[in-house]
Structures are given as structure tokens and as C-alpha cells.
All heavy atoms as atom14 arrays in JSON, in Angstrom:
{
  "sequence": "MSHLLLWGNAYAQIIRNARGEVIALYPLMPNKMTVDRDKNGRLFYLYQ",
  "atom14_mask": [
    [1, 1, 1, 1, 1, 1, 1, 1, 0, 0, 0, 0, 0, 0],
    [1, 1, 1, 1, 1, 1, 0, 0, 0, 0, 0, 0, 0, 0],
    [1, 1, 1, 1, 1, 1, 1, 1, 1, 1, 0, 0, 0, 0],
    [1, 1, 1, 1, 1, 1, 1, 1, 0, 0, 0, 0, 0, 0],
    [1, 1, 1, 1, 1, 1, 1, 1, 0, 0, 0, 0, 0, 0],
    [1, 1, 1, 1, 1, 1, 1, 1, 0, 0, 0, 0, 0, 0],
    [1, 1, 1, 1, 1, 1, 1, 1, 1, 1, 1, 1, 1, 1],
    [1, 1, 1, 1, 0, 0, 0, 0, 0, 0, 0, 0, 0, 0],
    [1, 1, 1, 1, 1, 1, 1, 1, 0, 0, 0, 0, 0, 0],
    [1, 1, 1, 1, 1, 0, 0, 0, 0, 0, 0, 0, 0, 0],
    [1, 1, 1, 1, 1, 1, 1, 1, 1, 1, 1, 1, 0, 0],
    [1, 1, 1, 1, 1, 0, 0, 0, 0, 0, 0, 0, 0, 0],
    [1, 1, 1, 1, 1, 1, 1, 1, 1, 0, 0, 0, 0, 0],
    [1, 1, 1, 1, 1, 1, 1, 1, 0, 0, 0, 0, 0, 0],
    [1, 1, 1, 1, 1, 1, 1, 1, 0, 0, 0, 0, 0, 0],
    [1, 1, 1, 1, 1, 1, 1, 1, 1, 1, 1, 0, 0, 0],
    [1, 1, 1, 1, 1, 1, 1, 1, 0, 0, 0, 0, 0, 0],
    [1, 1, 1, 1, 1, 0, 0, 0, 0, 0, 0, 0, 0, 0],
    [1, 1, 1, 1, 1, 1, 1, 1, 1, 1, 1, 0, 0, 0],
    [1, 1, 1, 1, 0, 0, 0, 0, 0, 0, 0, 0, 0, 0],
    [1, 1, 1, 1, 1, 1, 1, 1, 1, 0, 0, 0, 0, 0],
    [1, 1, 1, 1, 1, 1, 1, 0, 0, 0, 0, 0, 0, 0],
    [1, 1, 1, 1, 1, 1, 1, 1, 0, 0, 0, 0, 0, 0],
    [1, 1, 1, 1, 1, 0, 0, 0, 0, 0, 0, 0, 0, 0],
    [1, 1, 1, 1, 1, 1, 1, 1, 0, 0, 0, 0, 0, 0],
    [1, 1, 1, 1, 1, 1, 1, 1, 1, 1, 1, 1, 0, 0],
    [1, 1, 1, 1, 1, 1, 1, 0, 0, 0, 0, 0, 0, 0],
    [1, 1, 1, 1, 1, 1, 1, 1, 0, 0, 0, 0, 0, 0],
    [1, 1, 1, 1, 1, 1, 1, 1, 0, 0, 0, 0, 0, 0],
    [1, 1, 1, 1, 1, 1, 1, 0, 0, 0, 0, 0, 0, 0],
    [1, 1, 1, 1, 1, 1, 1, 1, 0, 0, 0, 0, 0, 0],
    [1, 1, 1, 1, 1, 1, 1, 1, 1, 0, 0, 0, 0, 0],
    [1, 1, 1, 1, 1, 1, 1, 1, 0, 0, 0, 0, 0, 0],
    [1, 1, 1, 1, 1, 1, 1, 0, 0, 0, 0, 0, 0, 0],
    [1, 1, 1, 1, 1, 1, 1, 0, 0, 0, 0, 0, 0, 0],
    [1, 1, 1, 1, 1, 1, 1, 1, 0, 0, 0, 0, 0, 0],
    [1, 1, 1, 1, 1, 1, 1, 1, 1, 1, 1, 0, 0, 0],
    [1, 1, 1, 1, 1, 1, 1, 1, 0, 0, 0, 0, 0, 0],
    [1, 1, 1, 1, 1, 1, 1, 1, 1, 0, 0, 0, 0, 0],
    [1, 1, 1, 1, 1, 1, 1, 1, 0, 0, 0, 0, 0, 0],
    [1, 1, 1, 1, 0, 0, 0, 0, 0, 0, 0, 0, 0, 0],
    [1, 1, 1, 1, 1, 1, 1, 1, 1, 1, 1, 0, 0, 0],
    [1, 1, 1, 1, 1, 1, 1, 1, 0, 0, 0, 0, 0, 0],
    [1, 1, 1, 1, 1, 1, 1, 1, 1, 1, 1, 0, 0, 0],
    [1, 1, 1, 1, 1, 1, 1, 1, 1, 1, 1, 1, 0, 0],
    [1, 1, 1, 1, 1, 1, 1, 1, 0, 0, 0, 0, 0, 0],
    [1, 1, 1, 1, 1, 1, 1, 1, 1, 1, 1, 1, 0, 0],
    [1, 1, 1, 1, 1, 1, 1, 1, 1, 0, 0, 0, 0, 0]
  ],
  "atom14_positions": [
    [[-6.2, 31.6, -1.98], [-5.32, 32.26, -2.82], [-5.52, 33.81, -2.72], [-4.54, 34.64, -2.71], [-5.4, 31.94, -4.3], [-4.37, 32.46, -5.28], [-2.72, 31.99, -4.72], [-1.73, 32.92, -5.91], [0.0, 0.0, 0.0], [0.0, 0.0, 0.0], [0.0, 0.0, 0.0], [0.0, 0.0, 0.0], [0.0, 0.0, 0.0], [0.0, 0.0, 0.0]],
    [[-6.77, 34.26, -2.62], [-7.03, 35.68, -2.41], [-6.51, 36.13, -1.06], [-5.94, 37.24, -0.92], [-8.58, 35.91, -2.53], [-9.23, 35.28, -1.48], [0.0, 0.0, 0.0], [0.0, 0.0, 0.0], [0.0, 0.0, 0.0], [0.0, 0.0, 0.0], [0.0, 0.0, 0.0], [0.0, 0.0, 0.0], [0.0, 0.0, 0.0], [0.0, 0.0, 0.0]],
    [[-6.64, 35.27, 0.03], [-6.03, 35.68, 1.29], [-4.47, 35.76, 1.17], [-3.85, 36.62, 1.68], [-6.34, 34.52, 2.31], [-7.73, 34.44, 2.7], [-8.24, 33.49, 3.49], [-8.82, 35.27, 2.41], [-9.54, 33.61, 3.61], [-9.9, 34.73, 3.01], [0.0, 0.0, 0.0], [0.0, 0.0, 0.0], [0.0, 0.0, 0.0], [0.0, 0.0, 0.0]],
    [[-3.91, 34.84, 0.4], [-2.43, 34.86, 0.21], [-1.93, 36.19, -0.52], [-0.88, 36.73, -0.22], [-2.03, 33.62, -0.61], [-0.64, 33.24, -0.5], [-0.05, 33.1, 0.86], [-0.45, 31.87, -1.28], [0.0, 0.0, 0.0], [0.0, 0.0, 0.0], [0.0, 0.0, 0.0], [0.0, 0.0, 0.0], [0.0, 0.0, 0.0], [0.0, 0.0, 0.0]],
    [[-2.76, 36.63, -1.48], [-2.39, 37.77, -2.19], [-2.68, 39.15, -1.46], [-1.99, 40.14, -1.71], [-3.17, 37.85, -3.51], [-2.87, 36.73, -4.56], [-3.89, 36.71, -5.68], [-1.46, 36.91, -5.06], [0.0, 0.0, 0.0], [0.0, 0.0, 0.0], [0.0, 0.0, 0.0], [0.0, 0.0, 0.0], [0.0, 0.0, 0.0], [0.0, 0.0, 0.0]],
    [[-3.64, 39.15, -0.52], [-4.01, 40.36, 0.26], [-3.25, 40.46, 1.58], [-2.67, 41.48, 1.86], [-5.53, 40.39, 0.38], [-6.35, 40.6, -0.88], [-7.84, 40.48, -0.48], [-6.05, 41.98, -1.5], [0.0, 0.0, 0.0], [0.0, 0.0, 0.0], [0.0, 0.0, 0.0], [0.0, 0.0, 0.0], [0.0, 0.0, 0.0], [0.0, 0.0, 0.0]],
    [[-3.23, 39.32, 2.31], [-2.62, 39.31, 3.58], [-1.2, 38.76, 3.63], [-0.47, 38.91, 4.63], [-3.5, 38.56, 4.63], [-4.58, 39.32, 5.1], [-4.57, 40.3, 6.11], [-6.04, 39.29, 4.69], [-5.91, 40.76, 6.35], [-6.73, 40.21, 5.47], [-6.61, 38.58, 3.67], [-8.07, 40.46, 5.24], [-8.0, 38.78, 3.5], [-8.73, 39.71, 4.3]],
    [[-0.83, 37.97, 2.52], [0.35, 37.38, 2.57], [0.47, 36.05, 3.24], [1.51, 35.44, 3.24], [0.0, 0.0, 0.0], [0.0, 0.0, 0.0], [0.0, 0.0, 0.0], [0.0, 0.0, 0.0], [0.0, 0.0, 0.0], [0.0, 0.0, 0.0], [0.0, 0.0, 0.0], [0.0, 0.0, 0.0], [0.0, 0.0, 0.0], [0.0, 0.0, 0.0]],
    [[-0.64, 35.52, 3.73], [-0.77, 34.26, 4.35], [-2.05, 33.66, 4.08], [-3.09, 34.32, 3.93], [-0.54, 34.32, 5.91], [0.83, 34.85, 6.29], [1.81, 34.05, 6.36], [0.95, 36.16, 6.44], [0.0, 0.0, 0.0], [0.0, 0.0, 0.0], [0.0, 0.0, 0.0], [0.0, 0.0, 0.0], [0.0, 0.0, 0.0], [0.0, 0.0, 0.0]],
    [[-2.12, 32.38, 4.01], [-3.34, 31.57, 3.87], [-3.39, 30.43, 4.91], [-2.44, 29.73, 5.07], [-3.48, 30.94, 2.44], [0.0, 0.0, 0.0], [0.0, 0.0, 0.0], [0.0, 0.0, 0.0], [0.0, 0.0, 0.0], [0.0, 0.0, 0.0], [0.0, 0.0, 0.0], [0.0, 0.0, 0.0], [0.0, 0.0, 0.0], [0.0, 0.0, 0.0]],
    [[-4.51, 30.4, 5.55], [-4.68, 29.42, 6.67], [-5.95, 28.55, 6.46], [-6.97, 29.06, 5.88], [-4.76, 30.02, 8.04], [-3.6, 30.96, 8.45], [-3.66, 32.36, 8.15], [-2.53, 30.45, 9.05], [-2.66, 33.13, 8.51], [-1.4, 31.28, 9.44], [-1.54, 32.6, 9.13], [-0.42, 33.45, 9.52], [0.0, 0.0, 0.0], [0.0, 0.0, 0.0]],
    [[-5.86, 27.34, 6.8], [-7.05, 26.41, 6.72], [-6.98, 25.42, 7.9], [-5.85, 25.0, 8.22], [-7.09, 25.61, 5.35], [0.0, 0.0, 0.0], [0.0, 0.0, 0.0], [0.0, 0.0, 0.0], [0.0, 0.0, 0.0], [0.0, 0.0, 0.0], [0.0, 0.0, 0.0], [0.0, 0.0, 0.0], [0.0, 0.0, 0.0], [0.0, 0.0, 0.0]],
    [[-8.07, 25.19, 8.48], [-8.16, 24.21, 9.68], [-8.22, 22.83, 9.07], [-9.03, 22.52, 8.19], [-9.37, 24.5, 10.5], [-9.37, 23.55, 11.73], [-10.77, 23.68, 12.46], [-11.69, 24.34, 12.02], [-10.73, 23.13, 13.67], [0.0, 0.0, 0.0], [0.0, 0.0, 0.0], [0.0, 0.0, 0.0], [0.0, 0.0, 0.0], [0.0, 0.0, 0.0]],
    [[-7.4, 21.91, 9.61], [-7.33, 20.52, 9.19], [-8.1, 19.69, 10.16], [-7.82, 19.67, 11.38], [-5.89, 20.06, 9.08], [-5.11, 20.91, 8.16], [-5.78, 18.56, 8.63], [-3.6, 20.56, 8.16], [0.0, 0.0, 0.0], [0.0, 0.0, 0.0], [0.0, 0.0, 0.0], [0.0, 0.0, 0.0], [0.0, 0.0, 0.0], [0.0, 0.0, 0.0]],
    [[-9.12, 18.99, 9.69], [-9.91, 18.06, 10.47], [-9.48, 16.66, 10.17], [-9.38, 16.21, 9.0], [-11.43, 18.24, 10.22], [-11.81, 19.73, 10.41], [-12.18, 17.3, 11.19], [-11.69, 20.23, 11.7], [0.0, 0.0, 0.0], [0.0, 0.0, 0.0], [0.0, 0.0, 0.0], [0.0, 0.0, 0.0], [0.0, 0.0, 0.0], [0.0, 0.0, 0.0]],
    [[-9.05, 15.86, 11.17], [-8.56, 14.58, 11.01], [-9.45, 13.53, 11.81], [-10.11, 13.83, 12.66], [-7.11, 14.39, 11.46], [-6.14, 15.41, 10.85], [-4.73, 15.17, 11.45], [-3.73, 16.19, 10.94], [-3.02, 16.06, 9.82], [-3.12, 14.86, 9.17], [-2.18, 17.05, 9.45], [0.0, 0.0, 0.0], [0.0, 0.0, 0.0], [0.0, 0.0, 0.0]],
    [[-9.41, 12.32, 11.34], [-10.13, 11.2, 12.01], [-9.11, 10.53, 12.98], [-8.05, 11.02, 13.26], [-10.67, 10.2, 11.0], [-9.62, 9.59, 10.11], [-8.43, 9.68, 10.41], [-9.97, 8.97, 9.02], [0.0, 0.0, 0.0], [0.0, 0.0, 0.0], [0.0, 0.0, 0.0], [0.0, 0.0, 0.0], [0.0, 0.0, 0.0], [0.0, 0.0, 0.0]],
    [[-9.61, 9.46, 13.57], [-8.81, 8.79, 14.62], [-7.54, 8.21, 13.98], [-6.51, 8.06, 14.78], [-9.57, 7.75, 15.3], [0.0, 0.0, 0.0], [0.0, 0.0, 0.0], [0.0, 0.0, 0.0], [0.0, 0.0, 0.0], [0.0, 0.0, 0.0], [0.0, 0.0, 0.0], [0.0, 0.0, 0.0], [0.0, 0.0, 0.0], [0.0, 0.0, 0.0]],
    [[-7.48, 7.86, 12.81], [-6.24, 7.35, 12.2], [-5.25, 8.43, 11.68], [-4.22, 8.11, 11.15], [-6.62, 6.47, 10.95], [-7.43, 5.22, 11.41], [-7.51, 4.28, 10.14], [-8.25, 4.91, 9.09], [-9.58, 4.85, 8.94], [-10.37, 4.22, 9.81], [-10.19, 5.41, 7.89], [0.0, 0.0, 0.0], [0.0, 0.0, 0.0], [0.0, 0.0, 0.0]],
    [[-5.56, 9.66, 11.88], [-4.76, 10.83, 11.46], [-4.94, 11.22, 10.0], [-4.21, 12.05, 9.57], [0.0, 0.0, 0.0], [0.0, 0.0, 0.0], [0.0, 0.0, 0.0], [0.0, 0.0, 0.0], [0.0, 0.0, 0.0], [0.0, 0.0, 0.0], [0.0, 0.0, 0.0], [0.0, 0.0, 0.0], [0.0, 0.0, 0.0], [0.0, 0.0, 0.0]],
    [[-5.97, 10.68, 9.3], [-6.27, 11.01, 7.92], [-7.04, 12.24, 7.89], [-7.92, 12.52, 8.73], [-6.99, 9.87, 7.22], [-6.21, 8.53, 7.13], [-7.03, 7.45, 6.6], [-8.27, 7.59, 6.65], [-6.44, 6.43, 6.22], [0.0, 0.0, 0.0], [0.0, 0.0, 0.0], [0.0, 0.0, 0.0], [0.0, 0.0, 0.0], [0.0, 0.0, 0.0]],
    [[-6.77, 13.17, 6.9], [-7.49, 14.38, 6.74], [-8.8, 14.13, 6.15], [-8.97, 13.48, 5.09], [-6.71, 15.27, 5.76], [-7.39, 16.69, 5.63], [-5.33, 15.64, 6.4], [0.0, 0.0, 0.0], [0.0, 0.0, 0.0], [0.0, 0.0, 0.0], [0.0, 0.0, 0.0], [0.0, 0.0, 0.0], [0.0, 0.0, 0.0], [0.0, 0.0, 0.0]],
    [[-9.87, 14.63, 6.79], [-11.3, 14.4, 6.31], [-11.98, 15.69, 5.9], [-13.05, 15.62, 5.29], [-12.13, 13.63, 7.4], [-12.24, 14.42, 8.66], [-11.57, 12.19, 7.59], [-13.09, 13.85, 9.72], [0.0, 0.0, 0.0], [0.0, 0.0, 0.0], [0.0, 0.0, 0.0], [0.0, 0.0, 0.0], [0.0, 0.0, 0.0], [0.0, 0.0, 0.0]],
    [[-11.39, 16.8, 6.26], [-11.99, 18.09, 5.92], [-10.96, 19.25, 6.1], [-9.99, 19.15, 6.85], [-13.3, 18.41, 6.82], [0.0, 0.0, 0.0], [0.0, 0.0, 0.0], [0.0, 0.0, 0.0], [0.0, 0.0, 0.0], [0.0, 0.0, 0.0], [0.0, 0.0, 0.0], [0.0, 0.0, 0.0], [0.0, 0.0, 0.0], [0.0, 0.0, 0.0]],
    [[-11.21, 20.32, 5.22], [-10.39, 21.56, 5.32], [-11.32, 22.66, 5.31], [-12.17, 22.84, 4.39], [-9.43, 21.58, 4.14], [-8.35, 20.49, 4.03], [-7.74, 20.48, 2.61], [-7.3, 20.67, 5.12], [0.0, 0.0, 0.0], [0.0, 0.0, 0.0], [0.0, 0.0, 0.0], [0.0, 0.0, 0.0], [0.0, 0.0, 0.0], [0.0, 0.0, 0.0]],
    [[-11.14, 23.66, 6.25], [-11.96, 24.79, 6.38], [-11.06, 26.08, 6.37], [-10.08, 26.16, 7.08], [-12.81, 24.88, 7.62], [-13.97, 23.87, 7.62], [-13.77, 22.54, 8.14], [-15.21, 24.18, 7.26], [-14.83, 21.64, 8.19], [-16.26, 23.38, 7.25], [-16.02, 22.09, 7.66], [-17.05, 21.14, 7.74], [0.0, 0.0, 0.0], [0.0, 0.0, 0.0]],
    [[-11.37, 27.05, 5.5], [-10.53, 28.2, 5.44], [-10.55, 29.08, 6.63], [-11.73, 29.19, 7.32], [-10.99, 29.01, 4.19], [-12.35, 28.43, 3.94], [-12.37, 27.05, 4.48], [0.0, 0.0, 0.0], [0.0, 0.0, 0.0], [0.0, 0.0, 0.0], [0.0, 0.0, 0.0], [0.0, 0.0, 0.0], [0.0, 0.0, 0.0], [0.0, 0.0, 0.0]],
    [[-9.52, 29.73, 7.11], [-9.47, 30.68, 8.24], [-9.06, 32.01, 7.81], [-8.25, 32.19, 6.89], [-8.55, 30.09, 9.3], [-8.8, 28.77, 9.88], [-7.7, 28.27, 10.78], [-10.19, 28.75, 10.64], [0.0, 0.0, 0.0], [0.0, 0.0, 0.0], [0.0, 0.0, 0.0], [0.0, 0.0, 0.0], [0.0, 0.0, 0.0], [0.0, 0.0, 0.0]],
    [[-9.59, 33.01, 8.42], [-9.24, 34.47, 8.11], [-7.87, 34.85, 8.64], [-7.54, 34.69, 9.78], [-10.3, 35.41, 8.67], [-11.68, 35.32, 7.97], [-11.58, 35.74, 6.2], [-11.05, 37.38, 6.28], [0.0, 0.0, 0.0], [0.0, 0.0, 0.0], [0.0, 0.0, 0.0], [0.0, 0.0, 0.0], [0.0, 0.0, 0.0], [0.0, 0.0, 0.0]],
    [[-6.95, 35.33, 7.77], [-5.68, 35.63, 8.17], [-5.56, 36.75, 9.21], [-4.65, 36.73, 10.11], [-4.93, 36.04, 6.88], [-5.66, 35.37, 5.79], [-7.11, 35.49, 6.29], [0.0, 0.0, 0.0], [0.0, 0.0, 0.0], [0.0, 0.0, 0.0], [0.0, 0.0, 0.0], [0.0, 0.0, 0.0], [0.0, 0.0, 0.0], [0.0, 0.0, 0.0]],
    [[-6.47, 37.72, 9.13], [-6.42, 38.85, 10.11], [-6.89, 38.52, 11.48], [-6.76, 39.27, 12.38], [-7.26, 39.99, 9.57], [-8.71, 39.62, 9.33], [-8.94, 38.48, 9.18], [-9.55, 40.59, 9.23], [0.0, 0.0, 0.0], [0.0, 0.0, 0.0], [0.0, 0.0, 0.0], [0.0, 0.0, 0.0], [0.0, 0.0, 0.0], [0.0, 0.0, 0.0]],
    [[-7.35, 37.24, 11.65], [-7.73, 36.71, 12.97], [-6.76, 35.75, 13.53], [-7.0, 35.19, 14.64], [-9.11, 36.1, 12.92], [-10.23, 37.0, 12.43], [-11.57, 36.29, 12.42], [-12.69, 37.17, 11.76], [-13.96, 36.38, 11.8], [0.0, 0.0, 0.0], [0.0, 0.0, 0.0], [0.0, 0.0, 0.0], [0.0, 0.0, 0.0], [0.0, 0.0, 0.0]],
    [[-5.71, 35.52, 12.8], [-4.73, 34.49, 13.24], [-3.5, 35.15, 13.81], [-2.97, 36.15, 13.28], [-4.42, 33.58, 12.05], [-3.39, 32.42, 12.35], [-4.18, 31.17, 13.38], [-5.19, 30.35, 12.13], [0.0, 0.0, 0.0], [0.0, 0.0, 0.0], [0.0, 0.0, 0.0], [0.0, 0.0, 0.0], [0.0, 0.0, 0.0], [0.0, 0.0, 0.0]],
    [[-3.02, 34.47, 14.82], [-1.66, 34.9, 15.47], [-0.65, 33.63, 15.46], [-1.2, 32.61, 15.94], [-1.92, 35.44, 16.93], [-2.74, 36.58, 16.9], [-0.55, 35.81, 17.53], [0.0, 0.0, 0.0], [0.0, 0.0, 0.0], [0.0, 0.0, 0.0], [0.0, 0.0, 0.0], [0.0, 0.0, 0.0], [0.0, 0.0, 0.0], [0.0, 0.0, 0.0]],
    [[0.4, 33.88, 14.96], [1.43, 32.83, 15.03], [2.55, 33.18, 15.99], [3.08, 34.28, 15.86], [2.02, 32.63, 13.6], [2.95, 31.32, 13.51], [0.92, 32.45, 12.54], [0.0, 0.0, 0.0], [0.0, 0.0, 0.0], [0.0, 0.0, 0.0], [0.0, 0.0, 0.0], [0.0, 0.0, 0.0], [0.0, 0.0, 0.0], [0.0, 0.0, 0.0]],
    [[2.82, 32.23, 16.87], [3.82, 32.61, 17.92], [4.54, 31.35, 18.31], [4.27, 30.22, 17.98], [3.19, 33.35, 19.11], [4.08, 34.34, 19.76], [5.33, 34.23, 19.59], [3.58, 35.31, 20.35], [0.0, 0.0, 0.0], [0.0, 0.0, 0.0], [0.0, 0.0, 0.0], [0.0, 0.0, 0.0], [0.0, 0.0, 0.0], [0.0, 0.0, 0.0]],
    [[5.41, 31.53, 19.22], [6.13, 30.37, 19.87], [6.01, 30.31, 21.4], [5.92, 31.44, 21.99], [7.69, 30.52, 19.5], [8.1, 30.35, 18.09], [9.58, 30.35, 17.9], [10.03, 30.32, 16.48], [10.1, 29.3, 15.79], [9.89, 28.04, 16.31], [10.54, 29.38, 14.47], [0.0, 0.0, 0.0], [0.0, 0.0, 0.0], [0.0, 0.0, 0.0]],
    [[5.88, 29.1, 21.87], [5.82, 29.01, 23.31], [7.18, 29.03, 23.96], [8.24, 29.31, 23.25], [5.13, 27.69, 23.65], [5.77, 26.49, 23.17], [7.02, 26.59, 22.73], [5.2, 25.34, 23.08], [0.0, 0.0, 0.0], [0.0, 0.0, 0.0], [0.0, 0.0, 0.0], [0.0, 0.0, 0.0], [0.0, 0.0, 0.0], [0.0, 0.0, 0.0]],
    [[7.3, 28.83, 25.26], [8.6, 29.04, 25.94], [9.59, 27.97, 25.49], [10.84, 28.12, 25.75], [8.29, 28.87, 27.49], [7.65, 27.6, 27.96], [7.46, 27.64, 29.44], [6.77, 26.36, 29.93], [6.54, 26.33, 31.37], [0.0, 0.0, 0.0], [0.0, 0.0, 0.0], [0.0, 0.0, 0.0], [0.0, 0.0, 0.0], [0.0, 0.0, 0.0]],
    [[9.13, 26.82, 25.0], [9.95, 25.78, 24.41], [10.42, 26.03, 22.96], [11.11, 25.18, 22.42], [9.42, 24.42, 24.59], [9.17, 24.09, 26.05], [9.92, 24.32, 26.91], [7.97, 23.4, 26.29], [0.0, 0.0, 0.0], [0.0, 0.0, 0.0], [0.0, 0.0, 0.0], [0.0, 0.0, 0.0], [0.0, 0.0, 0.0], [0.0, 0.0, 0.0]],
    [[9.96, 27.1, 22.35], [10.3, 27.29, 20.94], [9.38, 26.73, 19.94], [9.74, 26.8, 18.77], [0.0, 0.0, 0.0], [0.0, 0.0, 0.0], [0.0, 0.0, 0.0], [0.0, 0.0, 0.0], [0.0, 0.0, 0.0], [0.0, 0.0, 0.0], [0.0, 0.0, 0.0], [0.0, 0.0, 0.0], [0.0, 0.0, 0.0], [0.0, 0.0, 0.0]],
    [[8.32, 26.05, 20.32], [7.44, 25.36, 19.47], [6.36, 26.29, 18.96], [5.76, 27.11, 19.7], [6.78, 24.21, 20.12], [5.74, 23.37, 19.28], [5.31, 22.22, 20.07], [4.05, 21.56, 19.36], [4.22, 20.73, 18.38], [5.45, 20.42, 18.0], [3.16, 20.3, 17.76], [0.0, 0.0, 0.0], [0.0, 0.0, 0.0], [0.0, 0.0, 0.0]],
    [[6.09, 26.25, 17.69], [5.17, 27.08, 17.01], [3.76, 26.69, 17.5], [3.38, 25.52, 17.71], [5.15, 26.96, 15.48], [6.28, 27.77, 14.82], [6.23, 27.47, 13.35], [6.2, 29.23, 15.01], [0.0, 0.0, 0.0], [0.0, 0.0, 0.0], [0.0, 0.0, 0.0], [0.0, 0.0, 0.0], [0.0, 0.0, 0.0], [0.0, 0.0, 0.0]],
    [[2.82, 27.71, 17.63], [1.4, 27.42, 17.88], [0.59, 28.64, 17.18], [1.16, 29.67, 16.91], [1.14, 27.43, 19.41], [1.33, 28.65, 20.11], [0.22, 29.57, 20.3], [2.48, 28.93, 20.74], [0.38, 30.76, 20.96], [2.59, 30.14, 21.43], [1.63, 31.06, 21.58], [0.0, 0.0, 0.0], [0.0, 0.0, 0.0], [0.0, 0.0, 0.0]],
    [[-0.61, 28.35, 17.0], [-1.52, 29.22, 16.29], [-2.71, 29.56, 17.25], [-3.28, 28.71, 17.89], [-2.15, 28.61, 14.99], [-1.05, 28.31, 13.97], [-0.31, 27.19, 14.07], [-0.86, 29.24, 12.94], [0.68, 26.85, 13.07], [0.09, 28.92, 11.9], [0.81, 27.79, 12.03], [1.82, 27.59, 11.07], [0.0, 0.0, 0.0], [0.0, 0.0, 0.0]],
    [[-3.03, 30.86, 17.36], [-4.17, 31.37, 18.1], [-5.11, 32.08, 17.17], [-4.73, 32.95, 16.38], [-3.72, 32.34, 19.24], [-3.06, 31.73, 20.43], [-2.68, 32.91, 21.38], [-4.09, 30.81, 21.18], [0.0, 0.0, 0.0], [0.0, 0.0, 0.0], [0.0, 0.0, 0.0], [0.0, 0.0, 0.0], [0.0, 0.0, 0.0], [0.0, 0.0, 0.0]],
    [[-6.4, 31.63, 17.14], [-7.32, 32.14, 16.25], [-8.53, 32.82, 17.01], [-9.09, 32.18, 17.98], [-7.87, 31.06, 15.32], [-8.76, 31.45, 14.14], [-8.25, 32.19, 13.13], [-10.17, 31.36, 14.28], [-9.1, 32.62, 12.07], [-10.97, 31.84, 13.23], [-10.42, 32.42, 12.17], [-11.22, 32.89, 11.12], [0.0, 0.0, 0.0], [0.0, 0.0, 0.0]],
    [[-8.86, 33.99, 16.63], [-9.98, 34.71, 17.32], [-11.28, 34.36, 16.51], [-11.54, 34.83, 15.41], [-9.83, 36.18, 17.2], [-8.56, 36.66, 18.01], [-8.42, 38.18, 17.99], [-9.07, 38.84, 17.21], [-7.53, 38.7, 18.77], [0.0, 0.0, 0.0], [0.0, 0.0, 0.0], [0.0, 0.0, 0.0], [0.0, 0.0, 0.0], [0.0, 0.0, 0.0]]
  ]
}
């Protein structure tokens, strides 16, 4: 929430098991994240 209020975005890495169930969530810094689209128009995230 503090990331959301300061940077306008909040990011967290989703860790899943083999069945696709979420088993962990880790916060990511917004100032290190880049959101863009590939040549097919699909969103992807790049994190430093």
C-alpha cells in the first residue's frame, strides 16, 4: 500500500506450485519494474 501511494503501482511476485496454486507472495520495488508489450501486443514485466 505504501508503494501504491508513493509510486502509483504495487507489484508482488507470485510463486506457484505444479498445480498452479499460489504458495507465496513477495513484494517487488516499483521503481525497478518496467511494464511493456512484446511485438504481439502481450504484456510482460522486466524487473531489475
